[in-house]
Amino acid sequence: MSGSRFEDALEHSFKRMEESAVFINWKKENREAYLAHAFNMVEGKKQSGWQFGYYIKSKDRVVTFFVEDVVKKSPESEIFKKDEKAVKKLELSKVKVGADRALELASGLQKEKYKGHEPQKEVVLLQTIDAGQVWNITFVTRTFDTLNIKICAESGEVKSDNLTSLFSFGTKNV
C-alpha cells in the first residue's frame, strides 16, 4: 500500500504514532485495544493530519490518536455504531487499494453518476464493516448533499454509493 503521497502520509503517520511516547505508554495500559479506523479530511488540496482510532472492547470505547506536528491522544469516548456488536479490527496489512486509488475511484464515480455534485470536502475513513475492509469516502458537495461511496480496500470494487441531502439529516417523520 505504498507509492503515492496520500498513502505515504498514512504509513508515515501510522509509524510516527506507533513510535510516539504517548501511544507506547497508552498501549502498555490497554493491551487489548486494537486499530479500528484511520481517518482524514481533504478540503481543496489541503489534507488534515491522519487520525487513528483504537477500540477498547472491554469498555466499548474508542481512543483516537491525532498525528500532526506532535501525536496527541483523545480521552476515551463512546463510539458511534448502529448495533451492540464489537467494532471490527482494521488490518492495514490487508489493504491493497490505497487511499489515493480509492479517492480516484470515488471521484470517477462522482463525475460519471453524480454530475453537478462536485465535492468541496472529502472525508476519508478506512474501516472494517460487515462487507469487509472498506474505504468509506464521503464527499460534501456544493449542492449541500453528501455522497457516500464504500470501496473494497482489497479489490477496489465499489460496494455502495448513496447521495443524501444535508437538509434531510436530523429530520424525523411526524
N, C-alpha and C. Protein backbone atom coordinates (compact mmCIF):
# COMPACT_ATOMS: atom_id res chain seq x y z
N MET A 1 0.84 -1.19 0.00
CA MET A 1 0.00 0.00 0.00
C MET A 1 0.88 1.25 0.00
N SER A 2 1.82 1.30 -0.87
CA SER A 2 2.77 2.41 -0.84
C SER A 2 2.94 2.99 -2.23
N GLY A 3 3.50 4.17 -2.29
CA GLY A 3 3.90 4.69 -3.57
C GLY A 3 3.28 6.02 -3.95
N SER A 4 2.34 6.55 -3.19
CA SER A 4 1.80 7.85 -3.53
C SER A 4 1.75 8.72 -2.28
N ARG A 5 1.51 9.99 -2.50
CA ARG A 5 1.60 10.96 -1.41
C ARG A 5 0.63 10.65 -0.26
N PHE A 6 -0.61 10.34 -0.58
CA PHE A 6 -1.62 10.08 0.45
C PHE A 6 -1.26 8.83 1.23
N GLU A 7 -0.90 7.74 0.52
CA GLU A 7 -0.52 6.51 1.21
C GLU A 7 0.75 6.69 2.02
N ASP A 8 1.73 7.39 1.45
CA ASP A 8 2.96 7.63 2.18
C ASP A 8 2.66 8.39 3.47
N ALA A 9 1.77 9.36 3.39
CA ALA A 9 1.39 10.13 4.58
C ALA A 9 0.70 9.21 5.60
N LEU A 10 -0.15 8.31 5.13
CA LEU A 10 -0.83 7.36 6.02
C LEU A 10 0.19 6.46 6.72
N GLU A 11 1.06 5.86 5.95
CA GLU A 11 2.06 4.95 6.51
C GLU A 11 3.02 5.69 7.45
N HIS A 12 3.46 6.86 7.03
CA HIS A 12 4.38 7.65 7.85
C HIS A 12 3.71 8.06 9.16
N SER A 13 2.47 8.51 9.06
CA SER A 13 1.73 8.93 10.26
C SER A 13 1.49 7.77 11.20
N PHE A 14 1.15 6.61 10.65
CA PHE A 14 0.91 5.43 11.49
C PHE A 14 2.19 5.03 12.24
N LYS A 15 3.30 5.05 11.52
CA LYS A 15 4.58 4.70 12.14
C LYS A 15 4.96 5.72 13.22
N ARG A 16 4.78 7.01 12.93
CA ARG A 16 5.06 8.06 13.93
C ARG A 16 4.22 7.86 15.18
N MET A 17 2.94 7.51 14.98
CA MET A 17 2.06 7.29 16.12
C MET A 17 2.54 6.11 16.95
N GLU A 18 2.84 4.98 16.26
CA GLU A 18 3.28 3.77 16.98
C GLU A 18 4.57 3.99 17.76
N GLU A 19 5.42 4.87 17.28
CA GLU A 19 6.71 5.12 17.93
C GLU A 19 6.66 6.25 18.96
N SER A 20 5.52 6.91 19.07
CA SER A 20 5.41 8.04 20.00
C SER A 20 5.26 7.56 21.44
N ALA A 21 5.79 8.34 22.36
CA ALA A 21 5.68 8.01 23.78
C ALA A 21 4.23 7.96 24.23
N VAL A 22 3.42 8.88 23.72
CA VAL A 22 2.02 8.92 24.14
C VAL A 22 1.31 7.61 23.76
N PHE A 23 1.59 7.06 22.58
CA PHE A 23 0.97 5.81 22.16
C PHE A 23 1.56 4.63 22.93
N ILE A 24 2.87 4.56 23.02
CA ILE A 24 3.54 3.44 23.69
C ILE A 24 3.07 3.34 25.14
N ASN A 25 3.01 4.45 25.85
CA ASN A 25 2.56 4.44 27.24
C ASN A 25 1.10 4.04 27.36
N TRP A 26 0.27 4.55 26.46
CA TRP A 26 -1.15 4.21 26.48
C TRP A 26 -1.35 2.72 26.18
N LYS A 27 -0.63 2.21 25.19
CA LYS A 27 -0.80 0.82 24.76
C LYS A 27 -0.38 -0.16 25.88
N LYS A 28 0.61 0.21 26.68
CA LYS A 28 1.03 -0.63 27.81
C LYS A 28 -0.14 -0.87 28.76
N GLU A 29 -0.98 0.13 28.93
CA GLU A 29 -2.13 0.05 29.83
C GLU A 29 -3.38 -0.50 29.13
N ASN A 30 -3.34 -0.61 27.81
CA ASN A 30 -4.52 -1.01 27.03
C ASN A 30 -4.13 -2.04 25.98
N ARG A 31 -3.54 -3.12 26.44
CA ARG A 31 -3.01 -4.14 25.52
C ARG A 31 -4.08 -4.77 24.62
N GLU A 32 -5.32 -4.85 25.12
CA GLU A 32 -6.36 -5.50 24.33
C GLU A 32 -6.93 -4.59 23.23
N ALA A 33 -6.61 -3.30 23.29
CA ALA A 33 -7.12 -2.35 22.30
C ALA A 33 -6.53 -2.65 20.92
N TYR A 34 -7.35 -2.42 19.90
CA TYR A 34 -6.87 -2.66 18.53
C TYR A 34 -7.32 -1.56 17.59
N LEU A 35 -6.57 -1.44 16.49
CA LEU A 35 -6.86 -0.43 15.48
C LEU A 35 -8.23 -0.69 14.88
N ALA A 36 -9.07 0.35 14.87
CA ALA A 36 -10.43 0.23 14.34
C ALA A 36 -10.65 1.09 13.10
N HIS A 37 -9.95 2.21 13.00
CA HIS A 37 -10.15 3.06 11.82
C HIS A 37 -8.98 4.03 11.62
N ALA A 38 -8.88 4.49 10.39
CA ALA A 38 -7.98 5.58 10.04
C ALA A 38 -8.84 6.63 9.35
N PHE A 39 -8.61 7.89 9.68
CA PHE A 39 -9.49 8.96 9.22
C PHE A 39 -8.67 10.15 8.73
N ASN A 40 -9.17 10.79 7.68
CA ASN A 40 -8.56 12.01 7.19
C ASN A 40 -9.62 12.84 6.49
N MET A 41 -9.38 14.13 6.40
CA MET A 41 -10.29 15.01 5.68
C MET A 41 -9.49 15.86 4.72
N VAL A 42 -10.04 16.06 3.52
CA VAL A 42 -9.37 16.86 2.50
C VAL A 42 -10.33 17.96 2.08
N GLU A 43 -9.82 19.19 2.10
CA GLU A 43 -10.62 20.32 1.61
C GLU A 43 -9.78 21.03 0.57
N GLY A 44 -10.26 21.01 -0.67
CA GLY A 44 -9.46 21.53 -1.77
C GLY A 44 -8.26 20.62 -1.93
N LYS A 45 -7.08 21.18 -1.85
CA LYS A 45 -5.85 20.38 -1.92
C LYS A 45 -5.24 20.18 -0.54
N LYS A 46 -5.89 20.75 0.50
CA LYS A 46 -5.32 20.69 1.85
C LYS A 46 -5.84 19.45 2.59
N GLN A 47 -4.90 18.65 3.04
CA GLN A 47 -5.17 17.41 3.76
C GLN A 47 -4.89 17.62 5.23
N SER A 48 -5.81 17.17 6.08
CA SER A 48 -5.56 17.26 7.52
C SER A 48 -4.64 16.12 7.93
N GLY A 49 -4.23 16.11 9.17
CA GLY A 49 -3.41 15.01 9.66
C GLY A 49 -4.24 13.75 9.83
N TRP A 50 -3.61 12.60 9.74
CA TRP A 50 -4.30 11.33 9.93
C TRP A 50 -4.69 11.15 11.39
N GLN A 51 -5.81 10.50 11.59
CA GLN A 51 -6.28 10.13 12.92
C GLN A 51 -6.48 8.62 12.94
N PHE A 52 -6.07 7.98 14.02
CA PHE A 52 -6.19 6.53 14.15
C PHE A 52 -7.00 6.21 15.40
N GLY A 53 -8.07 5.47 15.22
CA GLY A 53 -8.94 5.12 16.34
C GLY A 53 -8.67 3.71 16.82
N TYR A 54 -8.52 3.57 18.12
CA TYR A 54 -8.30 2.26 18.75
C TYR A 54 -9.50 1.90 19.60
N TYR A 55 -10.01 0.71 19.40
CA TYR A 55 -11.19 0.24 20.11
C TYR A 55 -10.78 -0.58 21.33
N ILE A 56 -11.39 -0.26 22.47
CA ILE A 56 -11.16 -0.99 23.71
C ILE A 56 -12.44 -1.80 23.97
N LYS A 57 -12.41 -3.06 23.59
CA LYS A 57 -13.61 -3.90 23.63
C LYS A 57 -14.19 -4.02 25.04
N SER A 58 -13.34 -4.20 26.04
CA SER A 58 -13.83 -4.40 27.41
C SER A 58 -14.61 -3.19 27.93
N LYS A 59 -14.33 -2.02 27.38
CA LYS A 59 -15.01 -0.79 27.80
C LYS A 59 -16.00 -0.30 26.75
N ASP A 60 -15.97 -0.91 25.54
CA ASP A 60 -16.78 -0.47 24.41
C ASP A 60 -16.57 1.03 24.17
N ARG A 61 -15.28 1.41 24.14
CA ARG A 61 -14.90 2.81 23.97
C ARG A 61 -13.80 2.90 22.91
N VAL A 62 -13.58 4.10 22.45
CA VAL A 62 -12.54 4.34 21.46
C VAL A 62 -11.65 5.48 21.93
N VAL A 63 -10.37 5.37 21.58
CA VAL A 63 -9.39 6.44 21.80
C VAL A 63 -8.82 6.77 20.44
N THR A 64 -8.74 8.06 20.14
CA THR A 64 -8.22 8.49 18.85
C THR A 64 -6.88 9.17 19.04
N PHE A 65 -5.95 8.82 18.15
CA PHE A 65 -4.63 9.44 18.13
C PHE A 65 -4.57 10.37 16.92
N PHE A 66 -4.20 11.61 17.16
CA PHE A 66 -4.11 12.63 16.13
C PHE A 66 -2.64 12.83 15.80
N VAL A 67 -2.28 12.62 14.54
CA VAL A 67 -0.89 12.73 14.13
C VAL A 67 -0.73 13.99 13.29
N GLU A 68 -0.18 15.01 13.92
CA GLU A 68 0.10 16.26 13.22
C GLU A 68 1.55 16.62 13.53
N ASP A 69 1.81 17.83 14.00
CA ASP A 69 3.19 18.17 14.37
C ASP A 69 3.67 17.28 15.50
N VAL A 70 2.76 16.99 16.43
CA VAL A 70 3.02 16.06 17.51
C VAL A 70 1.85 15.08 17.57
N VAL A 71 2.06 13.95 18.22
CA VAL A 71 1.00 12.97 18.37
C VAL A 71 0.23 13.28 19.65
N LYS A 72 -1.08 13.40 19.51
CA LYS A 72 -1.95 13.67 20.65
C LYS A 72 -2.98 12.56 20.76
N LYS A 73 -3.51 12.39 21.97
CA LYS A 73 -4.49 11.34 22.24
C LYS A 73 -5.76 11.98 22.78
N SER A 74 -6.90 11.47 22.30
CA SER A 74 -8.18 11.94 22.83
C SER A 74 -8.50 11.16 24.10
N PRO A 75 -9.40 11.68 24.92
CA PRO A 75 -9.91 10.87 26.04
C PRO A 75 -10.74 9.71 25.48
N GLU A 76 -10.94 8.69 26.28
CA GLU A 76 -11.83 7.60 25.86
C GLU A 76 -13.21 8.18 25.61
N SER A 77 -13.86 7.69 24.57
CA SER A 77 -15.20 8.19 24.28
C SER A 77 -16.08 7.07 23.76
N GLU A 78 -17.38 7.32 23.80
CA GLU A 78 -18.32 6.37 23.25
C GLU A 78 -18.08 6.31 21.75
N ILE A 79 -18.38 5.17 21.18
CA ILE A 79 -18.17 5.01 19.76
C ILE A 79 -19.51 5.02 19.05
N PHE A 80 -19.55 5.66 17.89
CA PHE A 80 -20.76 5.70 17.10
C PHE A 80 -20.88 4.39 16.34
N LYS A 81 -21.93 3.63 16.66
CA LYS A 81 -22.18 2.39 15.93
C LYS A 81 -23.67 2.11 15.99
N LYS A 82 -24.14 1.36 15.00
CA LYS A 82 -25.57 1.13 14.87
C LYS A 82 -26.11 0.02 15.77
N ASP A 83 -25.27 -0.90 16.18
CA ASP A 83 -25.76 -2.03 16.97
C ASP A 83 -24.81 -2.32 18.12
N GLU A 84 -25.08 -3.40 18.81
CA GLU A 84 -24.29 -3.73 20.01
C GLU A 84 -23.06 -4.58 19.71
N LYS A 85 -22.79 -4.86 18.45
CA LYS A 85 -21.62 -5.66 18.09
C LYS A 85 -20.33 -4.90 18.40
N ALA A 86 -19.28 -5.67 18.66
CA ALA A 86 -17.97 -5.06 18.85
C ALA A 86 -17.50 -4.48 17.52
N VAL A 87 -16.74 -3.43 17.60
CA VAL A 87 -16.16 -2.82 16.41
C VAL A 87 -15.11 -3.78 15.86
N LYS A 88 -15.11 -3.92 14.55
CA LYS A 88 -14.18 -4.87 13.92
C LYS A 88 -12.78 -4.27 13.79
N LYS A 89 -11.81 -5.16 13.84
CA LYS A 89 -10.41 -4.78 13.75
C LYS A 89 -10.05 -4.38 12.32
N LEU A 90 -9.26 -3.34 12.20
CA LEU A 90 -8.72 -2.90 10.92
C LEU A 90 -7.31 -3.45 10.79
N GLU A 91 -7.05 -4.16 9.70
CA GLU A 91 -5.72 -4.74 9.47
C GLU A 91 -5.10 -4.08 8.25
N LEU A 92 -4.19 -3.13 8.51
CA LEU A 92 -3.57 -2.37 7.43
C LEU A 92 -2.83 -3.27 6.45
N SER A 93 -2.32 -4.41 6.91
CA SER A 93 -1.58 -5.32 6.03
C SER A 93 -2.46 -5.91 4.94
N LYS A 94 -3.77 -5.90 5.12
CA LYS A 94 -4.70 -6.45 4.13
C LYS A 94 -5.18 -5.41 3.12
N VAL A 95 -4.80 -4.16 3.32
CA VAL A 95 -5.22 -3.09 2.41
C VAL A 95 -4.36 -3.15 1.16
N LYS A 96 -4.99 -3.41 0.03
CA LYS A 96 -4.27 -3.49 -1.25
C LYS A 96 -4.54 -2.27 -2.12
N VAL A 97 -5.68 -1.62 -1.89
CA VAL A 97 -6.04 -0.42 -2.62
C VAL A 97 -5.84 0.75 -1.67
N GLY A 98 -4.91 1.62 -2.02
CA GLY A 98 -4.58 2.73 -1.14
C GLY A 98 -5.57 3.87 -1.20
N ALA A 99 -5.36 4.85 -0.35
CA ALA A 99 -6.26 6.00 -0.25
C ALA A 99 -6.33 6.78 -1.56
N ASP A 100 -5.20 6.99 -2.22
CA ASP A 100 -5.20 7.73 -3.48
C ASP A 100 -6.05 7.03 -4.53
N ARG A 101 -5.88 5.73 -4.66
CA ARG A 101 -6.65 4.97 -5.64
C ARG A 101 -8.13 4.97 -5.28
N ALA A 102 -8.45 4.82 -4.01
CA ALA A 102 -9.84 4.84 -3.57
C ALA A 102 -10.48 6.20 -3.89
N LEU A 103 -9.76 7.27 -3.62
CA LEU A 103 -10.28 8.61 -3.95
C LEU A 103 -10.44 8.79 -5.46
N GLU A 104 -9.51 8.25 -6.21
CA GLU A 104 -9.59 8.30 -7.67
C GLU A 104 -10.84 7.56 -8.16
N LEU A 105 -11.09 6.37 -7.62
CA LEU A 105 -12.28 5.59 -7.99
C LEU A 105 -13.56 6.33 -7.59
N ALA A 106 -13.57 6.88 -6.39
CA ALA A 106 -14.74 7.61 -5.91
C ALA A 106 -14.99 8.85 -6.76
N SER A 107 -13.93 9.59 -7.10
CA SER A 107 -14.07 10.78 -7.95
C SER A 107 -14.59 10.42 -9.33
N GLY A 108 -14.10 9.31 -9.87
CA GLY A 108 -14.58 8.86 -11.17
C GLY A 108 -16.07 8.53 -11.14
N LEU A 109 -16.50 7.86 -10.09
CA LEU A 109 -17.92 7.53 -9.94
C LEU A 109 -18.75 8.80 -9.78
N GLN A 110 -18.25 9.74 -8.99
CA GLN A 110 -18.96 11.01 -8.79
C GLN A 110 -19.12 11.73 -10.12
N LYS A 111 -18.07 11.82 -10.92
CA LYS A 111 -18.13 12.53 -12.20
C LYS A 111 -19.05 11.83 -13.20
N GLU A 112 -19.09 10.51 -13.14
CA GLU A 112 -19.90 9.73 -14.07
C GLU A 112 -21.38 9.69 -13.67
N LYS A 113 -21.63 9.42 -12.41
CA LYS A 113 -23.01 9.14 -11.96
C LYS A 113 -23.66 10.33 -11.25
N TYR A 114 -22.86 11.23 -10.70
CA TYR A 114 -23.40 12.32 -9.89
C TYR A 114 -22.89 13.68 -10.39
N LYS A 115 -23.03 13.91 -11.69
CA LYS A 115 -22.60 15.18 -12.28
C LYS A 115 -23.36 16.32 -11.59
N GLY A 116 -22.70 17.43 -11.39
CA GLY A 116 -23.34 18.57 -10.75
C GLY A 116 -23.24 18.53 -9.23
N HIS A 117 -22.64 17.49 -8.69
CA HIS A 117 -22.47 17.36 -7.25
C HIS A 117 -20.96 17.31 -6.94
N GLU A 118 -20.26 18.40 -7.30
CA GLU A 118 -18.82 18.44 -7.11
C GLU A 118 -18.49 18.57 -5.62
N PRO A 119 -17.50 17.81 -5.18
CA PRO A 119 -17.15 17.85 -3.76
C PRO A 119 -16.40 19.11 -3.35
N GLN A 120 -16.72 19.60 -2.15
CA GLN A 120 -15.97 20.68 -1.53
C GLN A 120 -15.03 20.11 -0.48
N LYS A 121 -15.51 19.06 0.21
CA LYS A 121 -14.72 18.38 1.22
C LYS A 121 -14.80 16.89 0.95
N GLU A 122 -13.71 16.21 1.29
CA GLU A 122 -13.66 14.75 1.16
C GLU A 122 -13.30 14.18 2.52
N VAL A 123 -14.17 13.32 3.02
CA VAL A 123 -13.93 12.65 4.29
C VAL A 123 -13.50 11.22 3.95
N VAL A 124 -12.34 10.83 4.41
CA VAL A 124 -11.76 9.53 4.07
C VAL A 124 -11.66 8.70 5.35
N LEU A 125 -12.35 7.57 5.36
CA LEU A 125 -12.36 6.70 6.53
C LEU A 125 -12.07 5.27 6.08
N LEU A 126 -11.06 4.67 6.66
CA LEU A 126 -10.72 3.27 6.39
C LEU A 126 -11.19 2.49 7.60
N GLN A 127 -12.07 1.50 7.38
CA GLN A 127 -12.65 0.77 8.49
C GLN A 127 -13.07 -0.63 8.02
N THR A 128 -13.42 -1.46 8.98
CA THR A 128 -13.93 -2.79 8.67
C THR A 128 -15.40 -2.83 9.07
N ILE A 129 -16.24 -3.16 8.10
CA ILE A 129 -17.67 -3.30 8.33
C ILE A 129 -18.07 -4.71 7.91
N ASP A 130 -19.36 -5.02 7.94
CA ASP A 130 -19.80 -6.36 7.56
C ASP A 130 -19.35 -6.74 6.15
N ALA A 131 -19.26 -5.77 5.26
CA ALA A 131 -18.84 -6.02 3.87
C ALA A 131 -17.33 -6.19 3.75
N GLY A 132 -16.58 -6.07 4.85
CA GLY A 132 -15.13 -6.20 4.84
C GLY A 132 -14.44 -4.87 5.08
N GLN A 133 -13.15 -4.82 4.80
CA GLN A 133 -12.39 -3.58 4.96
C GLN A 133 -12.69 -2.67 3.78
N VAL A 134 -13.14 -1.47 4.09
CA VAL A 134 -13.54 -0.53 3.04
C VAL A 134 -12.96 0.85 3.28
N TRP A 135 -12.80 1.54 2.17
CA TRP A 135 -12.60 2.98 2.21
C TRP A 135 -14.01 3.55 2.18
N ASN A 136 -14.40 4.21 3.24
CA ASN A 136 -15.72 4.81 3.36
C ASN A 136 -15.50 6.30 3.08
N ILE A 137 -15.79 6.70 1.85
CA ILE A 137 -15.48 8.06 1.41
C ILE A 137 -16.77 8.86 1.31
N THR A 138 -16.77 10.01 1.94
CA THR A 138 -17.93 10.89 1.87
C THR A 138 -17.50 12.22 1.28
N PHE A 139 -18.19 12.61 0.22
CA PHE A 139 -17.98 13.92 -0.38
C PHE A 139 -19.09 14.84 0.13
N VAL A 140 -18.72 15.97 0.69
CA VAL A 140 -19.69 17.02 1.00
C VAL A 140 -19.68 17.92 -0.22
N THR A 141 -20.82 18.04 -0.88
CA THR A 141 -20.87 18.70 -2.18
C THR A 141 -21.31 20.16 -2.09
N ARG A 142 -21.12 20.85 -3.19
CA ARG A 142 -21.53 22.26 -3.29
C ARG A 142 -23.04 22.40 -3.29
N THR A 143 -23.75 21.32 -3.56
CA THR A 143 -25.21 21.33 -3.60
C THR A 143 -25.81 20.96 -2.25
N PHE A 144 -24.99 20.98 -1.20
CA PHE A 144 -25.42 20.64 0.17
C PHE A 144 -25.94 19.21 0.27
N ASP A 145 -25.27 18.34 -0.43
CA ASP A 145 -25.55 16.91 -0.36
C ASP A 145 -24.30 16.21 0.15
N THR A 146 -24.48 14.97 0.59
CA THR A 146 -23.33 14.12 0.89
C THR A 146 -23.42 12.92 -0.03
N LEU A 147 -22.32 12.62 -0.65
CA LEU A 147 -22.20 11.44 -1.49
C LEU A 147 -21.29 10.47 -0.77
N ASN A 148 -21.84 9.33 -0.35
CA ASN A 148 -21.06 8.33 0.37
C ASN A 148 -20.78 7.16 -0.56
N ILE A 149 -19.52 6.80 -0.65
CA ILE A 149 -19.09 5.70 -1.52
C ILE A 149 -18.21 4.78 -0.70
N LYS A 150 -18.57 3.50 -0.69
CA LYS A 150 -17.76 2.49 0.00
C LYS A 150 -17.04 1.66 -1.05
N ILE A 151 -15.71 1.59 -0.89
CA ILE A 151 -14.85 0.89 -1.84
C ILE A 151 -14.06 -0.18 -1.10
N CYS A 152 -14.08 -1.40 -1.62
CA CYS A 152 -13.34 -2.50 -1.02
C CYS A 152 -11.85 -2.15 -1.00
N ALA A 153 -11.24 -2.23 0.17
CA ALA A 153 -9.82 -1.87 0.32
C ALA A 153 -8.90 -2.95 -0.22
N GLU A 154 -9.46 -4.10 -0.57
CA GLU A 154 -8.64 -5.18 -1.11
C GLU A 154 -8.71 -5.24 -2.64
N SER A 155 -9.93 -5.05 -3.20
CA SER A 155 -10.12 -5.21 -4.64
C SER A 155 -10.36 -3.92 -5.40
N GLY A 156 -10.81 -2.87 -4.72
CA GLY A 156 -11.16 -1.63 -5.40
C GLY A 156 -12.58 -1.62 -5.91
N GLU A 157 -13.34 -2.67 -5.63
CA GLU A 157 -14.73 -2.75 -6.07
C GLU A 157 -15.58 -1.75 -5.28
N VAL A 158 -16.45 -1.04 -6.01
CA VAL A 158 -17.38 -0.13 -5.35
C VAL A 158 -18.48 -0.99 -4.73
N LYS A 159 -18.60 -0.93 -3.41
CA LYS A 159 -19.59 -1.73 -2.68
C LYS A 159 -20.94 -1.04 -2.62
N SER A 160 -20.92 0.29 -2.51
CA SER A 160 -22.18 1.05 -2.48
C SER A 160 -21.89 2.52 -2.74
N ASP A 161 -22.93 3.22 -3.17
CA ASP A 161 -22.87 4.67 -3.32
C ASP A 161 -24.27 5.22 -3.04
N ASN A 162 -24.30 6.39 -2.37
CA ASN A 162 -25.57 6.94 -1.94
C ASN A 162 -25.45 8.45 -1.82
N LEU A 163 -26.38 9.17 -2.44
CA LEU A 163 -26.43 10.62 -2.36
C LEU A 163 -27.57 11.02 -1.43
N THR A 164 -27.25 11.85 -0.41
CA THR A 164 -28.25 12.27 0.57
C THR A 164 -28.14 13.77 0.76
N SER A 165 -29.28 14.43 0.88
CA SER A 165 -29.28 15.87 1.14
C SER A 165 -28.87 16.13 2.58
N LEU A 166 -28.01 17.11 2.77
CA LEU A 166 -27.63 17.50 4.14
C LEU A 166 -28.86 17.99 4.92
N PHE A 167 -29.82 18.53 4.20
CA PHE A 167 -31.02 19.04 4.86
C PHE A 167 -31.90 17.93 5.40
N SER A 168 -31.69 16.69 4.96
CA SER A 168 -32.50 15.58 5.44
C SER A 168 -31.96 15.01 6.76
N PHE A 169 -30.72 15.36 7.13
CA PHE A 169 -30.16 14.87 8.38
C PHE A 169 -30.88 15.52 9.56
N GLY A 170 -31.24 14.70 10.52
CA GLY A 170 -31.87 15.23 11.72
C GLY A 170 -33.36 15.44 11.60
N THR A 171 -33.95 15.20 10.45
CA THR A 171 -35.39 15.36 10.32
C THR A 171 -36.07 14.04 10.68
N LYS A 172 -37.20 14.17 11.31
CA LYS A 172 -37.95 12.99 11.72
C LYS A 172 -39.34 13.06 11.12
N ASN A 173 -39.86 11.88 10.79
CA ASN A 173 -41.24 11.83 10.34
C ASN A 173 -42.16 12.05 11.53
N VAL A 174 -43.14 12.93 11.39
CA VAL A 174 -44.04 13.23 12.50
C VAL A 174 -45.37 12.57 12.26
